[in-house]
All heavy atoms as atom14 arrays in JSON, in Angstrom:
{
  "sequence": "VEDNGVGFQMKYVDKLFGVFQRLHQAEEFEGTGIGLANVKRIVERH",
  "atom14_mask": [
    [1, 1, 1, 1, 1, 1, 1, 0, 0, 0, 0, 0, 0, 0],
    [1, 1, 1, 1, 1, 1, 1, 1, 1, 0, 0, 0, 0, 0],
    [1, 1, 1, 1, 1, 1, 1, 1, 0, 0, 0, 0, 0, 0],
    [1, 1, 1, 1, 1, 1, 1, 1, 0, 0, 0, 0, 0, 0],
    [1, 1, 1, 1, 0, 0, 0, 0, 0, 0, 0, 0, 0, 0],
    [1, 1, 1, 1, 1, 1, 1, 0, 0, 0, 0, 0, 0, 0],
    [1, 1, 1, 1, 0, 0, 0, 0, 0, 0, 0, 0, 0, 0],
    [1, 1, 1, 1, 1, 1, 1, 1, 1, 1, 1, 0, 0, 0],
    [1, 1, 1, 1, 1, 1, 1, 1, 1, 0, 0, 0, 0, 0],
    [1, 1, 1, 1, 1, 1, 1, 1, 0, 0, 0, 0, 0, 0],
    [1, 1, 1, 1, 1, 1, 1, 1, 1, 0, 0, 0, 0, 0],
    [1, 1, 1, 1, 1, 1, 1, 1, 1, 1, 1, 1, 0, 0],
    [1, 1, 1, 1, 1, 1, 1, 0, 0, 0, 0, 0, 0, 0],
    [1, 1, 1, 1, 1, 1, 1, 1, 0, 0, 0, 0, 0, 0],
    [1, 1, 1, 1, 1, 1, 1, 1, 1, 0, 0, 0, 0, 0],
    [1, 1, 1, 1, 1, 1, 1, 1, 0, 0, 0, 0, 0, 0],
    [1, 1, 1, 1, 1, 1, 1, 1, 1, 1, 1, 0, 0, 0],
    [1, 1, 1, 1, 0, 0, 0, 0, 0, 0, 0, 0, 0, 0],
    [1, 1, 1, 1, 1, 1, 1, 0, 0, 0, 0, 0, 0, 0],
    [1, 1, 1, 1, 1, 1, 1, 1, 1, 1, 1, 0, 0, 0],
    [1, 1, 1, 1, 1, 1, 1, 1, 1, 0, 0, 0, 0, 0],
    [1, 1, 1, 1, 1, 1, 1, 1, 1, 1, 1, 0, 0, 0],
    [1, 1, 1, 1, 1, 1, 1, 1, 0, 0, 0, 0, 0, 0],
    [1, 1, 1, 1, 1, 1, 1, 1, 1, 1, 0, 0, 0, 0],
    [1, 1, 1, 1, 1, 1, 1, 1, 1, 0, 0, 0, 0, 0],
    [1, 1, 1, 1, 1, 0, 0, 0, 0, 0, 0, 0, 0, 0],
    [1, 1, 1, 1, 1, 1, 1, 1, 1, 0, 0, 0, 0, 0],
    [1, 1, 1, 1, 1, 1, 1, 1, 1, 0, 0, 0, 0, 0],
    [1, 1, 1, 1, 1, 1, 1, 1, 1, 1, 1, 0, 0, 0],
    [1, 1, 1, 1, 1, 1, 1, 1, 1, 0, 0, 0, 0, 0],
    [1, 1, 1, 1, 0, 0, 0, 0, 0, 0, 0, 0, 0, 0],
    [1, 1, 1, 1, 1, 1, 1, 0, 0, 0, 0, 0, 0, 0],
    [1, 1, 1, 1, 0, 0, 0, 0, 0, 0, 0, 0, 0, 0],
    [1, 1, 1, 1, 1, 1, 1, 1, 0, 0, 0, 0, 0, 0],
    [1, 1, 1, 1, 0, 0, 0, 0, 0, 0, 0, 0, 0, 0],
    [1, 1, 1, 1, 1, 1, 1, 1, 0, 0, 0, 0, 0, 0],
    [1, 1, 1, 1, 1, 0, 0, 0, 0, 0, 0, 0, 0, 0],
    [1, 1, 1, 1, 1, 1, 1, 1, 0, 0, 0, 0, 0, 0],
    [1, 1, 1, 1, 1, 1, 1, 0, 0, 0, 0, 0, 0, 0],
    [1, 1, 1, 1, 1, 1, 1, 1, 1, 0, 0, 0, 0, 0],
    [1, 1, 1, 1, 1, 1, 1, 1, 1, 1, 1, 0, 0, 0],
    [1, 1, 1, 1, 1, 1, 1, 1, 0, 0, 0, 0, 0, 0],
    [1, 1, 1, 1, 1, 1, 1, 0, 0, 0, 0, 0, 0, 0],
    [1, 1, 1, 1, 1, 1, 1, 1, 1, 0, 0, 0, 0, 0],
    [1, 1, 1, 1, 1, 1, 1, 1, 1, 1, 1, 0, 0, 0],
    [1, 1, 1, 1, 1, 1, 1, 1, 1, 1, 0, 0, 0, 0]
  ],
  "atom14_positions": [
    [[-2.51, 27.07, 9.27], [-1.06, 26.98, 8.94], [-0.91, 26.94, 7.53], [-1.55, 26.06, 6.83], [-0.37, 25.78, 9.64], [1.1, 25.68, 9.27], [-0.61, 25.83, 11.14], [0.0, 0.0, 0.0], [0.0, 0.0, 0.0], [0.0, 0.0, 0.0], [0.0, 0.0, 0.0], [0.0, 0.0, 0.0], [0.0, 0.0, 0.0], [0.0, 0.0, 0.0]],
    [[-0.17, 27.76, 6.85], [0.14, 27.84, 5.44], [1.69, 27.77, 5.11], [2.39, 28.38, 5.94], [-0.48, 29.05, 4.86], [-0.3, 29.19, 3.37], [-0.91, 30.55, 2.89], [-1.54, 31.3, 3.7], [-0.66, 30.85, 1.76], [0.0, 0.0, 0.0], [0.0, 0.0, 0.0], [0.0, 0.0, 0.0], [0.0, 0.0, 0.0], [0.0, 0.0, 0.0]],
    [[2.05, 27.02, 4.14], [3.48, 27.03, 3.78], [3.65, 26.97, 2.29], [2.65, 26.73, 1.58], [4.15, 25.83, 4.48], [3.69, 24.52, 4.07], [3.95, 24.16, 2.87], [3.03, 23.83, 4.84], [0.0, 0.0, 0.0], [0.0, 0.0, 0.0], [0.0, 0.0, 0.0], [0.0, 0.0, 0.0], [0.0, 0.0, 0.0], [0.0, 0.0, 0.0]],
    [[4.78, 27.19, 1.85], [5.15, 27.1, 0.42], [5.86, 25.78, 0.11], [6.82, 25.68, -0.77], [5.91, 28.33, -0.03], [7.28, 28.37, 0.56], [7.56, 27.87, 1.61], [8.19, 29.08, -0.13], [0.0, 0.0, 0.0], [0.0, 0.0, 0.0], [0.0, 0.0, 0.0], [0.0, 0.0, 0.0], [0.0, 0.0, 0.0], [0.0, 0.0, 0.0]],
    [[5.54, 24.7, 0.8], [6.21, 23.38, 0.6], [5.86, 22.72, -0.59], [5.27, 23.34, -1.58], [0.0, 0.0, 0.0], [0.0, 0.0, 0.0], [0.0, 0.0, 0.0], [0.0, 0.0, 0.0], [0.0, 0.0, 0.0], [0.0, 0.0, 0.0], [0.0, 0.0, 0.0], [0.0, 0.0, 0.0], [0.0, 0.0, 0.0], [0.0, 0.0, 0.0]],
    [[6.13, 21.38, -0.68], [6.08, 20.63, -1.87], [4.59, 20.41, -2.3], [4.3, 20.11, -3.42], [6.77, 19.25, -1.79], [8.17, 19.45, -1.52], [6.18, 18.47, -0.57], [0.0, 0.0, 0.0], [0.0, 0.0, 0.0], [0.0, 0.0, 0.0], [0.0, 0.0, 0.0], [0.0, 0.0, 0.0], [0.0, 0.0, 0.0], [0.0, 0.0, 0.0]],
    [[3.63, 20.48, -1.35], [2.24, 20.33, -1.67], [1.84, 18.92, -2.11], [2.62, 18.01, -1.94], [0.0, 0.0, 0.0], [0.0, 0.0, 0.0], [0.0, 0.0, 0.0], [0.0, 0.0, 0.0], [0.0, 0.0, 0.0], [0.0, 0.0, 0.0], [0.0, 0.0, 0.0], [0.0, 0.0, 0.0], [0.0, 0.0, 0.0], [0.0, 0.0, 0.0]],
    [[0.68, 18.79, -2.59], [0.13, 17.55, -3.15], [-0.88, 17.86, -4.16], [-1.52, 18.89, -4.17], [-0.34, 16.64, -2.01], [-1.5, 17.33, -1.24], [-2.87, 17.05, -1.59], [-1.21, 18.13, -0.19], [-3.91, 17.67, -0.95], [-2.36, 18.74, 0.48], [-3.58, 18.48, 0.09], [0.0, 0.0, 0.0], [0.0, 0.0, 0.0], [0.0, 0.0, 0.0]],
    [[-1.25, 16.8, -5.01], [-2.24, 16.97, -5.94], [-3.62, 16.81, -5.34], [-3.79, 15.81, -4.52], [-2.04, 16.03, -7.14], [-0.84, 16.21, -7.93], [-0.68, 15.24, -9.01], [-1.62, 14.62, -9.42], [0.58, 15.07, -9.57], [0.0, 0.0, 0.0], [0.0, 0.0, 0.0], [0.0, 0.0, 0.0], [0.0, 0.0, 0.0], [0.0, 0.0, 0.0]],
    [[-4.59, 17.64, -5.54], [-5.83, 17.66, -4.95], [-6.62, 16.29, -5.19], [-7.48, 15.97, -4.31], [-6.74, 18.74, -5.38], [-6.31, 20.08, -4.73], [-6.3, 20.12, -2.93], [-8.0, 19.92, -2.5], [0.0, 0.0, 0.0], [0.0, 0.0, 0.0], [0.0, 0.0, 0.0], [0.0, 0.0, 0.0], [0.0, 0.0, 0.0], [0.0, 0.0, 0.0]],
    [[-6.28, 15.56, -6.25], [-6.91, 14.24, -6.43], [-6.62, 13.22, -5.34], [-7.35, 12.2, -5.18], [-6.65, 13.67, -7.79], [-5.11, 13.31, -7.97], [-4.94, 12.79, -9.41], [-3.55, 12.35, -9.71], [-3.35, 11.92, -11.03], [0.0, 0.0, 0.0], [0.0, 0.0, 0.0], [0.0, 0.0, 0.0], [0.0, 0.0, 0.0], [0.0, 0.0, 0.0]],
    [[-5.6, 13.51, -4.48], [-5.26, 12.63, -3.42], [-5.64, 13.22, -2.08], [-5.2, 12.58, -1.03], [-3.71, 12.45, -3.37], [-3.17, 11.79, -4.67], [-2.27, 12.52, -5.47], [-3.6, 10.5, -5.02], [-1.81, 11.91, -6.69], [-3.11, 9.95, -6.19], [-2.22, 10.62, -7.04], [-1.77, 10.05, -8.21], [0.0, 0.0, 0.0], [0.0, 0.0, 0.0]],
    [[-6.46, 14.17, -1.99], [-6.87, 14.83, -0.74], [-7.45, 13.85, 0.15], [-7.33, 13.96, 1.41], [-7.63, 16.08, -0.98], [-9.11, 15.74, -1.43], [-7.69, 16.92, 0.31], [0.0, 0.0, 0.0], [0.0, 0.0, 0.0], [0.0, 0.0, 0.0], [0.0, 0.0, 0.0], [0.0, 0.0, 0.0], [0.0, 0.0, 0.0], [0.0, 0.0, 0.0]],
    [[-8.25, 12.88, -0.38], [-8.96, 11.83, 0.46], [-7.93, 11.04, 1.24], [-8.24, 10.44, 2.35], [-9.91, 11.08, -0.3], [-11.09, 11.9, -0.81], [-11.42, 12.93, -0.15], [-11.71, 11.43, -1.78], [0.0, 0.0, 0.0], [0.0, 0.0, 0.0], [0.0, 0.0, 0.0], [0.0, 0.0, 0.0], [0.0, 0.0, 0.0], [0.0, 0.0, 0.0]],
    [[-6.71, 10.77, 0.74], [-5.76, 9.96, 1.35], [-4.93, 10.7, 2.39], [-4.3, 10.11, 3.25], [-4.71, 9.43, 0.23], [-5.3, 8.38, -0.64], [-4.18, 7.85, -1.54], [-4.71, 6.66, -2.28], [-3.61, 5.96, -2.86], [0.0, 0.0, 0.0], [0.0, 0.0, 0.0], [0.0, 0.0, 0.0], [0.0, 0.0, 0.0], [0.0, 0.0, 0.0]],
    [[-4.94, 11.98, 2.33], [-4.07, 12.86, 3.21], [-4.3, 12.58, 4.68], [-3.27, 12.49, 5.41], [-4.43, 14.33, 2.98], [-3.45, 15.33, 3.55], [-2.08, 15.18, 3.06], [-3.96, 16.74, 3.28], [0.0, 0.0, 0.0], [0.0, 0.0, 0.0], [0.0, 0.0, 0.0], [0.0, 0.0, 0.0], [0.0, 0.0, 0.0], [0.0, 0.0, 0.0]],
    [[-5.44, 12.27, 5.12], [-5.73, 12.07, 6.59], [-5.83, 10.63, 6.93], [-6.2, 10.28, 8.05], [-6.94, 12.86, 7.09], [-6.69, 14.3, 6.99], [-7.15, 15.02, 5.85], [-6.01, 14.95, 7.99], [-6.95, 16.43, 5.8], [-5.77, 16.34, 7.92], [-6.25, 17.06, 6.81], [0.0, 0.0, 0.0], [0.0, 0.0, 0.0], [0.0, 0.0, 0.0]],
    [[-5.45, 9.7, 6.03], [-5.52, 8.24, 6.32], [-4.27, 7.73, 7.02], [-3.18, 8.27, 6.84], [0.0, 0.0, 0.0], [0.0, 0.0, 0.0], [0.0, 0.0, 0.0], [0.0, 0.0, 0.0], [0.0, 0.0, 0.0], [0.0, 0.0, 0.0], [0.0, 0.0, 0.0], [0.0, 0.0, 0.0], [0.0, 0.0, 0.0], [0.0, 0.0, 0.0]],
    [[-4.47, 6.73, 7.92], [-3.31, 6.17, 8.61], [-2.35, 5.42, 7.62], [-2.8, 4.74, 6.75], [-3.78, 5.16, 9.64], [-2.64, 4.45, 10.36], [-4.66, 5.93, 10.67], [0.0, 0.0, 0.0], [0.0, 0.0, 0.0], [0.0, 0.0, 0.0], [0.0, 0.0, 0.0], [0.0, 0.0, 0.0], [0.0, 0.0, 0.0], [0.0, 0.0, 0.0]],
    [[-1.07, 5.71, 7.78], [-0.02, 5.28, 6.99], [-0.13, 5.55, 5.5], [0.49, 4.93, 4.63], [0.01, 3.61, 7.11], [0.29, 3.27, 8.55], [-0.61, 2.47, 9.21], [1.35, 3.75, 9.32], [-0.48, 2.04, 10.55], [1.6, 3.29, 10.64], [0.62, 2.53, 11.2], [0.0, 0.0, 0.0], [0.0, 0.0, 0.0], [0.0, 0.0, 0.0]],
    [[-0.9, 6.6, 5.15], [-0.94, 7.1, 3.81], [0.13, 8.16, 3.6], [0.15, 9.08, 4.36], [-2.34, 7.7, 3.49], [-3.47, 6.63, 3.53], [-3.26, 5.67, 2.41], [-3.04, 5.93, 1.29], [-3.46, 4.29, 2.78], [0.0, 0.0, 0.0], [0.0, 0.0, 0.0], [0.0, 0.0, 0.0], [0.0, 0.0, 0.0], [0.0, 0.0, 0.0]],
    [[0.91, 7.96, 2.58], [1.92, 8.99, 2.35], [1.77, 9.41, 0.95], [1.56, 8.67, 0.01], [3.38, 8.31, 2.5], [3.56, 7.83, 3.94], [4.98, 7.21, 4.05], [6.01, 8.19, 3.64], [6.71, 8.92, 4.47], [6.59, 8.7, 5.77], [7.59, 9.8, 4.1], [0.0, 0.0, 0.0], [0.0, 0.0, 0.0], [0.0, 0.0, 0.0]],
    [[1.94, 10.7, 0.71], [1.7, 11.35, -0.61], [3.07, 11.6, -1.26], [3.14, 12.03, -2.43], [0.92, 12.59, -0.5], [-0.47, 12.41, -0.04], [-1.22, 13.75, -0.01], [-1.23, 11.36, -0.78], [0.0, 0.0, 0.0], [0.0, 0.0, 0.0], [0.0, 0.0, 0.0], [0.0, 0.0, 0.0], [0.0, 0.0, 0.0], [0.0, 0.0, 0.0]],
    [[4.18, 11.35, -0.61], [5.5, 11.5, -1.07], [6.3, 10.3, -0.74], [5.99, 9.54, 0.23], [6.17, 12.77, -0.5], [5.46, 13.96, -0.8], [4.46, 14.53, 0.0], [5.55, 14.8, -1.88], [3.95, 15.6, -0.51], [4.58, 15.8, -1.62], [0.0, 0.0, 0.0], [0.0, 0.0, 0.0], [0.0, 0.0, 0.0], [0.0, 0.0, 0.0]],
    [[7.38, 10.05, -1.44], [8.15, 8.86, -1.24], [8.83, 8.98, 0.11], [9.34, 10.01, 0.55], [9.23, 8.69, -2.36], [8.67, 8.41, -3.64], [9.76, 8.21, -4.73], [10.94, 8.29, -4.45], [9.36, 7.9, -5.93], [0.0, 0.0, 0.0], [0.0, 0.0, 0.0], [0.0, 0.0, 0.0], [0.0, 0.0, 0.0], [0.0, 0.0, 0.0]],
    [[8.9, 7.81, 0.86], [9.52, 7.74, 2.15], [11.0, 8.2, 2.13], [11.46, 8.74, 3.13], [9.41, 6.34, 2.7], [0.0, 0.0, 0.0], [0.0, 0.0, 0.0], [0.0, 0.0, 0.0], [0.0, 0.0, 0.0], [0.0, 0.0, 0.0], [0.0, 0.0, 0.0], [0.0, 0.0, 0.0], [0.0, 0.0, 0.0], [0.0, 0.0, 0.0]],
    [[11.65, 8.06, 1.02], [12.98, 8.37, 0.95], [13.2, 9.99, 0.95], [14.26, 10.54, 1.36], [13.7, 7.87, -0.26], [13.81, 6.42, -0.35], [12.51, 5.77, -0.83], [11.71, 6.36, -1.65], [12.17, 4.7, -0.37], [0.0, 0.0, 0.0], [0.0, 0.0, 0.0], [0.0, 0.0, 0.0], [0.0, 0.0, 0.0], [0.0, 0.0, 0.0]],
    [[12.17, 10.66, 0.57], [12.18, 12.12, 0.44], [12.01, 12.83, 1.82], [12.65, 13.78, 2.11], [11.19, 12.65, -0.51], [11.32, 12.27, -1.96], [10.24, 12.88, -2.84], [9.16, 12.22, -3.0], [10.41, 14.04, -3.23], [0.0, 0.0, 0.0], [0.0, 0.0, 0.0], [0.0, 0.0, 0.0], [0.0, 0.0, 0.0], [0.0, 0.0, 0.0]],
    [[11.11, 12.26, 2.57], [10.66, 12.9, 3.84], [10.44, 11.81, 4.87], [9.72, 10.85, 4.63], [9.36, 13.69, 3.64], [9.52, 14.82, 2.66], [8.99, 14.65, 1.43], [10.06, 16.0, 2.98], [9.12, 15.63, 0.42], [10.14, 17.03, 2.14], [9.68, 16.88, 0.84], [0.0, 0.0, 0.0], [0.0, 0.0, 0.0], [0.0, 0.0, 0.0]],
    [[11.05, 12.04, 6.02], [10.89, 11.15, 7.14], [9.51, 11.15, 7.71], [8.73, 12.05, 7.45], [12.01, 11.48, 8.27], [11.65, 12.77, 8.95], [12.04, 14.02, 8.21], [12.71, 13.93, 7.15], [11.77, 15.1, 8.72], [0.0, 0.0, 0.0], [0.0, 0.0, 0.0], [0.0, 0.0, 0.0], [0.0, 0.0, 0.0], [0.0, 0.0, 0.0]],
    [[9.17, 10.14, 8.46], [7.87, 10.1, 9.06], [7.23, 8.73, 8.9], [7.63, 7.91, 8.1], [0.0, 0.0, 0.0], [0.0, 0.0, 0.0], [0.0, 0.0, 0.0], [0.0, 0.0, 0.0], [0.0, 0.0, 0.0], [0.0, 0.0, 0.0], [0.0, 0.0, 0.0], [0.0, 0.0, 0.0], [0.0, 0.0, 0.0], [0.0, 0.0, 0.0]],
    [[6.17, 8.5, 9.68], [5.44, 7.14, 9.66], [4.14, 7.25, 8.87], [3.6, 6.25, 8.44], [5.09, 6.69, 11.08], [4.28, 7.71, 11.64], [6.4, 6.45, 11.86], [0.0, 0.0, 0.0], [0.0, 0.0, 0.0], [0.0, 0.0, 0.0], [0.0, 0.0, 0.0], [0.0, 0.0, 0.0], [0.0, 0.0, 0.0], [0.0, 0.0, 0.0]],
    [[3.58, 8.46, 8.67], [2.35, 8.53, 7.93], [1.15, 8.44, 8.81], [-0.04, 8.15, 8.41], [0.0, 0.0, 0.0], [0.0, 0.0, 0.0], [0.0, 0.0, 0.0], [0.0, 0.0, 0.0], [0.0, 0.0, 0.0], [0.0, 0.0, 0.0], [0.0, 0.0, 0.0], [0.0, 0.0, 0.0], [0.0, 0.0, 0.0], [0.0, 0.0, 0.0]],
    [[1.37, 8.7, 10.13], [0.17, 8.63, 11.02], [-0.09, 10.03, 11.67], [-1.11, 10.19, 12.3], [0.37, 7.65, 12.16], [1.54, 8.0, 13.07], [0.46, 6.25, 11.62], [1.71, 7.17, 14.24], [0.0, 0.0, 0.0], [0.0, 0.0, 0.0], [0.0, 0.0, 0.0], [0.0, 0.0, 0.0], [0.0, 0.0, 0.0], [0.0, 0.0, 0.0]],
    [[0.73, 11.06, 11.39], [0.62, 12.35, 12.08], [-0.73, 13.1, 11.79], [-1.42, 13.41, 12.71], [0.0, 0.0, 0.0], [0.0, 0.0, 0.0], [0.0, 0.0, 0.0], [0.0, 0.0, 0.0], [0.0, 0.0, 0.0], [0.0, 0.0, 0.0], [0.0, 0.0, 0.0], [0.0, 0.0, 0.0], [0.0, 0.0, 0.0], [0.0, 0.0, 0.0]],
    [[-1.04, 13.19, 10.51], [-2.24, 13.9, 10.18], [-3.49, 13.16, 10.48], [-4.5, 13.69, 10.8], [-2.25, 14.32, 8.66], [-1.35, 15.52, 8.3], [-1.42, 15.78, 6.86], [-1.69, 16.73, 9.11], [0.0, 0.0, 0.0], [0.0, 0.0, 0.0], [0.0, 0.0, 0.0], [0.0, 0.0, 0.0], [0.0, 0.0, 0.0], [0.0, 0.0, 0.0]],
    [[-3.4, 11.78, 10.44], [-4.53, 10.91, 10.87], [-4.87, 11.25, 12.38], [-6.03, 11.33, 12.69], [-4.27, 9.46, 10.64], [0.0, 0.0, 0.0], [0.0, 0.0, 0.0], [0.0, 0.0, 0.0], [0.0, 0.0, 0.0], [0.0, 0.0, 0.0], [0.0, 0.0, 0.0], [0.0, 0.0, 0.0], [0.0, 0.0, 0.0], [0.0, 0.0, 0.0]],
    [[-3.75, 11.28, 13.18], [-4.0, 11.61, 14.55], [-4.54, 12.99, 14.8], [-5.49, 13.16, 15.62], [-2.68, 11.5, 15.37], [-2.25, 10.04, 15.67], [-3.04, 9.15, 15.59], [-0.97, 9.8, 15.79], [0.0, 0.0, 0.0], [0.0, 0.0, 0.0], [0.0, 0.0, 0.0], [0.0, 0.0, 0.0], [0.0, 0.0, 0.0], [0.0, 0.0, 0.0]],
    [[-4.05, 13.92, 14.06], [-4.54, 15.29, 14.16], [-6.06, 15.33, 13.85], [-6.8, 15.9, 14.56], [-3.86, 16.26, 13.3], [-4.46, 17.56, 13.09], [-2.32, 16.49, 13.76], [0.0, 0.0, 0.0], [0.0, 0.0, 0.0], [0.0, 0.0, 0.0], [0.0, 0.0, 0.0], [0.0, 0.0, 0.0], [0.0, 0.0, 0.0], [0.0, 0.0, 0.0]],
    [[-6.43, 14.7, 12.84], [-7.82, 14.67, 12.36], [-8.73, 14.06, 13.49], [-9.74, 14.68, 13.85], [-8.06, 13.86, 11.06], [-9.44, 13.86, 10.66], [-9.62, 13.04, 9.35], [-11.12, 13.11, 8.91], [-11.36, 12.04, 7.96], [0.0, 0.0, 0.0], [0.0, 0.0, 0.0], [0.0, 0.0, 0.0], [0.0, 0.0, 0.0], [0.0, 0.0, 0.0]],
    [[-8.3, 12.97, 14.13], [-9.15, 12.32, 15.16], [-9.19, 13.29, 16.35], [-10.33, 13.39, 16.99], [-8.5, 11.01, 15.58], [-8.61, 9.93, 14.47], [-8.05, 8.65, 14.92], [-8.85, 8.12, 16.08], [-8.5, 7.15, 16.86], [-7.38, 6.54, 16.6], [-9.3, 6.73, 17.8], [0.0, 0.0, 0.0], [0.0, 0.0, 0.0], [0.0, 0.0, 0.0]],
    [[-8.11, 13.95, 16.73], [-8.18, 14.86, 17.92], [-9.09, 16.01, 17.58], [-9.92, 16.34, 18.47], [-6.75, 15.29, 18.2], [-5.9, 14.14, 18.8], [-6.86, 16.52, 19.2], [-4.41, 14.51, 18.89], [0.0, 0.0, 0.0], [0.0, 0.0, 0.0], [0.0, 0.0, 0.0], [0.0, 0.0, 0.0], [0.0, 0.0, 0.0], [0.0, 0.0, 0.0]],
    [[-8.97, 16.59, 16.45], [-9.87, 17.73, 16.11], [-11.3, 17.36, 16.06], [-12.19, 18.0, 16.63], [-9.37, 18.36, 14.72], [-10.42, 19.28, 14.24], [-8.01, 18.96, 14.9], [0.0, 0.0, 0.0], [0.0, 0.0, 0.0], [0.0, 0.0, 0.0], [0.0, 0.0, 0.0], [0.0, 0.0, 0.0], [0.0, 0.0, 0.0], [0.0, 0.0, 0.0]],
    [[-11.58, 16.22, 15.41], [-12.98, 15.72, 15.32], [-13.54, 15.42, 16.7], [-14.79, 15.73, 16.99], [-13.11, 14.52, 14.41], [-12.89, 14.87, 12.94], [-12.84, 13.67, 12.08], [-12.71, 12.48, 12.54], [-13.09, 13.87, 10.85], [0.0, 0.0, 0.0], [0.0, 0.0, 0.0], [0.0, 0.0, 0.0], [0.0, 0.0, 0.0], [0.0, 0.0, 0.0]],
    [[-12.77, 14.88, 17.64], [-13.23, 14.52, 18.94], [-13.5, 15.86, 19.87], [-14.22, 15.7, 20.82], [-12.27, 13.65, 19.7], [-12.26, 12.23, 19.14], [-11.48, 11.31, 19.91], [-11.59, 9.96, 19.26], [-11.04, 8.89, 19.76], [-10.37, 8.96, 20.83], [-11.19, 7.72, 19.21], [0.0, 0.0, 0.0], [0.0, 0.0, 0.0], [0.0, 0.0, 0.0]],
    [[-12.95, 16.95, 19.38], [-13.15, 18.16, 20.14], [-14.2, 19.04, 19.36], [-14.35, 20.26, 19.55], [-11.86, 18.93, 20.27], [-10.98, 18.3, 21.32], [-10.09, 17.31, 21.06], [-10.99, 18.61, 22.61], [-9.53, 17.03, 22.2], [-10.0, 17.75, 23.12], [0.0, 0.0, 0.0], [0.0, 0.0, 0.0], [0.0, 0.0, 0.0], [0.0, 0.0, 0.0]]
  ]
}
């Protein structure tokens, strides 16, 4: 999946898949910060 969204700085890539880690301010984008952590766990278990 590729998009032209806001992106993130690569120096924070290690935080991207952490639980409750957000790379953007909560006021900018809704969410809890657990989505990609869940995705990573599911993919790894498969």
